[in-house]
Amino acid sequence: MKVAIYPGSFDPITFGHIDIVERAASLFDQVVIGVAESKSKNPLFSTDERLDLINEVFSGNSKIRAIGYSKKLTVDLARENNAIAIIRGLRAVADFEYEFQLATMNRSLAPDIESIFFTPKDTLIYVSSSLVKEIAQFGGDVSRFVPSHIEKALNSKFS
């Protein structure tokens, strides 16, 4: 079975993330979404809340599952899940330098695990969790960027 890990904070998951997960699921037998605790990023949603939001998105797809993790390297998470690849998203040229450095370090630590980059479809290339949270914080409409249950969760956090 070919397994890929898609690590990130997903605070919250957006249509851009969902696009990447669904396309990865067409190439792999299983995609494991690794939800990093990310305390240093001061997440709006707890790890459990993010897992619940993600699991609701993919509830009908047995090829996709989400797990939380902290205090471990992504390559170790990949090994624990028998993954052969780490999925990363690239939105813009600005992402490339950091992602290239990360992929090179991961290859150094785990040469048997490939890093594979996806770009979201062009209509979602500019969407980020940070921007979605900022829009929601000021009462803006985020329905084009996240599923309705996540929009409701955002509105609840900021009401």
Protein backbone atom coordinates (compact mmCIF):
# COMPACT_ATOMS: atom_id res chain seq x y z
CA MET A 1 0.00 0.00 0.00
CA LYS A 2 1.38 3.40 -1.00
CA VAL A 3 0.92 5.92 1.79
CA ALA A 4 1.64 9.66 1.75
CA ILE A 5 1.78 12.05 4.70
CA TYR A 6 0.49 15.61 4.30
CA PRO A 7 1.77 17.52 7.35
CA GLY A 8 0.70 20.98 8.40
CA SER A 9 -1.11 23.02 10.99
CA PHE A 10 -4.38 23.24 9.01
CA ASP A 11 -5.67 26.06 11.22
CA PRO A 12 -8.16 25.76 9.57
CA ILE A 13 -8.09 23.49 6.54
CA THR A 14 -9.04 25.43 3.38
CA PHE A 15 -10.30 24.51 -0.07
CA GLY A 16 -6.66 24.79 -1.21
CA HIS A 17 -5.61 22.08 1.26
CA ILE A 18 -8.62 19.98 0.32
CA ASP A 19 -7.73 20.22 -3.37
CA ILE A 20 -4.21 18.98 -2.64
CA VAL A 21 -5.45 16.12 -0.42
CA GLU A 22 -7.96 14.93 -3.01
CA ARG A 23 -5.40 14.98 -5.82
CA ALA A 24 -2.87 13.16 -3.64
CA ALA A 25 -5.53 10.56 -2.84
CA SER A 26 -5.85 9.87 -6.57
CA LEU A 27 -2.16 8.91 -6.64
CA PHE A 28 -1.77 7.09 -3.32
CA ASP A 29 -3.65 4.29 -1.60
CA GLN A 30 -3.87 6.34 1.56
CA VAL A 31 -3.22 9.97 2.52
CA VAL A 32 -2.57 10.67 6.18
CA ILE A 33 -3.09 14.30 7.11
CA GLY A 34 -0.65 15.01 9.93
CA VAL A 35 -2.05 17.84 12.03
CA ALA A 36 0.85 19.43 13.85
CA GLU A 37 0.17 20.81 17.30
CA SER A 38 1.98 24.05 16.28
CA LYS A 39 1.85 25.82 19.65
CA SER A 40 4.44 28.32 18.40
CA LYS A 41 1.92 29.49 15.77
CA ASN A 42 -0.74 30.18 18.43
CA PRO A 43 -3.45 28.23 16.61
CA LEU A 44 -7.03 29.44 16.74
CA PHE A 45 -8.34 25.87 16.90
CA SER A 46 -7.02 23.15 19.21
CA THR A 47 -5.50 20.06 17.61
CA ASP A 48 -8.66 18.09 18.43
CA GLU A 49 -10.88 20.77 16.88
CA ARG A 50 -8.76 20.79 13.72
CA LEU A 51 -8.93 17.00 13.52
CA ASP A 52 -12.73 17.10 13.90
CA LEU A 53 -13.06 19.76 11.18
CA ILE A 54 -10.80 17.78 8.82
CA ASN A 55 -12.50 14.45 9.53
CA GLU A 56 -15.86 16.00 8.69
CA VAL A 57 -14.49 17.16 5.31
CA PHE A 58 -13.28 13.69 4.36
CA SER A 59 -15.83 11.53 6.20
CA GLY A 60 -16.88 9.81 2.98
CA ASN A 61 -13.38 8.94 1.78
CA SER A 62 -11.73 5.89 3.38
CA LYS A 63 -8.42 6.70 1.66
CA ILE A 64 -7.96 9.83 3.77
CA ARG A 65 -7.46 10.05 7.52
CA ALA A 66 -6.19 12.71 9.89
CA ILE A 67 -3.98 12.27 12.94
CA GLY A 68 -2.48 14.75 15.35
CA TYR A 69 1.18 14.87 16.21
CA SER A 70 3.65 16.82 18.28
CA LYS A 71 7.21 16.57 19.48
CA LYS A 72 8.41 14.51 16.54
CA LEU A 73 9.88 15.04 13.12
CA THR A 74 7.65 14.72 10.09
CA VAL A 75 9.95 12.01 8.71
CA ASP A 76 9.38 10.01 11.91
CA LEU A 77 5.62 10.43 11.50
CA ALA A 78 6.01 9.24 7.91
CA ARG A 79 7.97 6.17 9.02
CA GLU A 80 5.42 5.33 11.74
CA ASN A 81 2.73 5.32 9.05
CA ASN A 82 4.81 3.44 6.45
CA ALA A 83 4.64 6.46 4.15
CA ILE A 84 6.75 6.64 1.02
CA ALA A 85 6.11 10.34 0.44
CA ILE A 86 5.61 13.65 2.17
CA ILE A 87 3.13 15.92 0.42
CA ARG A 88 3.74 19.67 0.52
CA GLY A 89 1.76 22.50 -0.97
CA LEU A 90 3.26 25.38 -2.91
CA ARG A 91 1.16 28.50 -3.37
CA ALA A 92 3.66 31.02 -4.63
CA VAL A 93 7.32 31.52 -5.41
CA ALA A 94 7.73 32.83 -1.85
CA ASP A 95 6.93 29.33 -0.53
CA PHE A 96 9.52 27.66 -2.72
CA GLU A 97 12.72 28.56 -0.85
CA TYR A 98 11.43 27.35 2.52
CA GLU A 99 9.85 24.22 1.04
CA PHE A 100 13.01 23.40 -0.92
CA GLN A 101 15.10 23.70 2.25
CA LEU A 102 12.63 21.54 4.17
CA ALA A 103 12.54 18.88 1.45
CA THR A 104 16.32 18.78 1.26
CA MET A 105 16.60 18.36 5.04
CA ASN A 106 13.94 15.65 5.04
CA ARG A 107 15.80 13.83 2.25
CA SER A 108 18.97 14.03 4.33
CA LEU A 109 17.15 12.53 7.34
CA ALA A 110 15.11 9.98 5.37
CA PRO A 111 16.43 9.35 1.85
CA ASP A 112 13.81 6.64 1.32
CA ILE A 113 10.91 9.10 1.68
CA GLU A 114 10.17 11.41 -1.26
CA SER A 115 8.88 14.96 -1.00
CA ILE A 116 6.20 15.70 -3.55
CA PHE A 117 4.92 19.19 -4.22
CA PHE A 118 1.41 20.11 -5.27
CA THR A 119 0.07 23.49 -6.21
CA PRO A 120 -3.60 24.15 -5.59
CA LYS A 121 -5.79 24.94 -8.57
CA ASP A 122 -5.31 28.46 -9.84
CA THR A 123 -8.51 29.78 -8.26
CA LEU A 124 -7.14 28.82 -4.82
CA ILE A 125 -3.45 29.71 -5.19
CA TYR A 126 -3.75 32.81 -2.98
CA VAL A 127 -5.75 31.19 -0.15
CA SER A 128 -4.01 30.64 3.18
CA SER A 129 -5.32 29.72 6.61
CA SER A 130 -3.86 32.94 8.02
CA LEU A 131 -5.72 35.11 5.52
CA VAL A 132 -8.95 33.18 6.03
CA LYS A 133 -8.71 33.70 9.80
CA GLU A 134 -8.05 37.41 9.34
CA ILE A 135 -11.03 37.81 7.01
CA ALA A 136 -13.28 35.90 9.43
CA GLN A 137 -12.00 37.91 12.40
CA PHE A 138 -13.27 41.10 10.80
CA GLY A 139 -16.60 39.64 9.73
CA GLY A 140 -15.71 38.98 6.10
CA ASP A 141 -17.22 36.24 3.96
CA VAL A 142 -14.96 33.18 3.87
CA SER A 143 -17.44 30.85 2.18
CA ARG A 144 -15.32 30.78 -1.01
CA PHE A 145 -12.29 29.53 0.93
CA VAL A 146 -13.57 26.93 3.42
CA PRO A 147 -16.44 24.44 3.73
CA SER A 148 -19.57 25.71 5.51
CA HIS A 149 -18.92 23.83 8.78
CA ILE A 150 -15.50 25.48 9.01
CA GLU A 151 -16.99 28.89 8.23
CA LYS A 152 -19.42 28.33 11.12
CA ALA A 153 -16.56 27.28 13.42
CA LEU A 154 -14.61 30.41 12.47
CA ASN A 155 -17.63 32.64 13.05
CA SER A 156 -18.17 30.99 16.43
CA LYS A 157 -14.54 31.66 17.45
CA PHE A 158 -14.78 35.32 16.49
CA SER A 159 -18.30 36.12 17.75
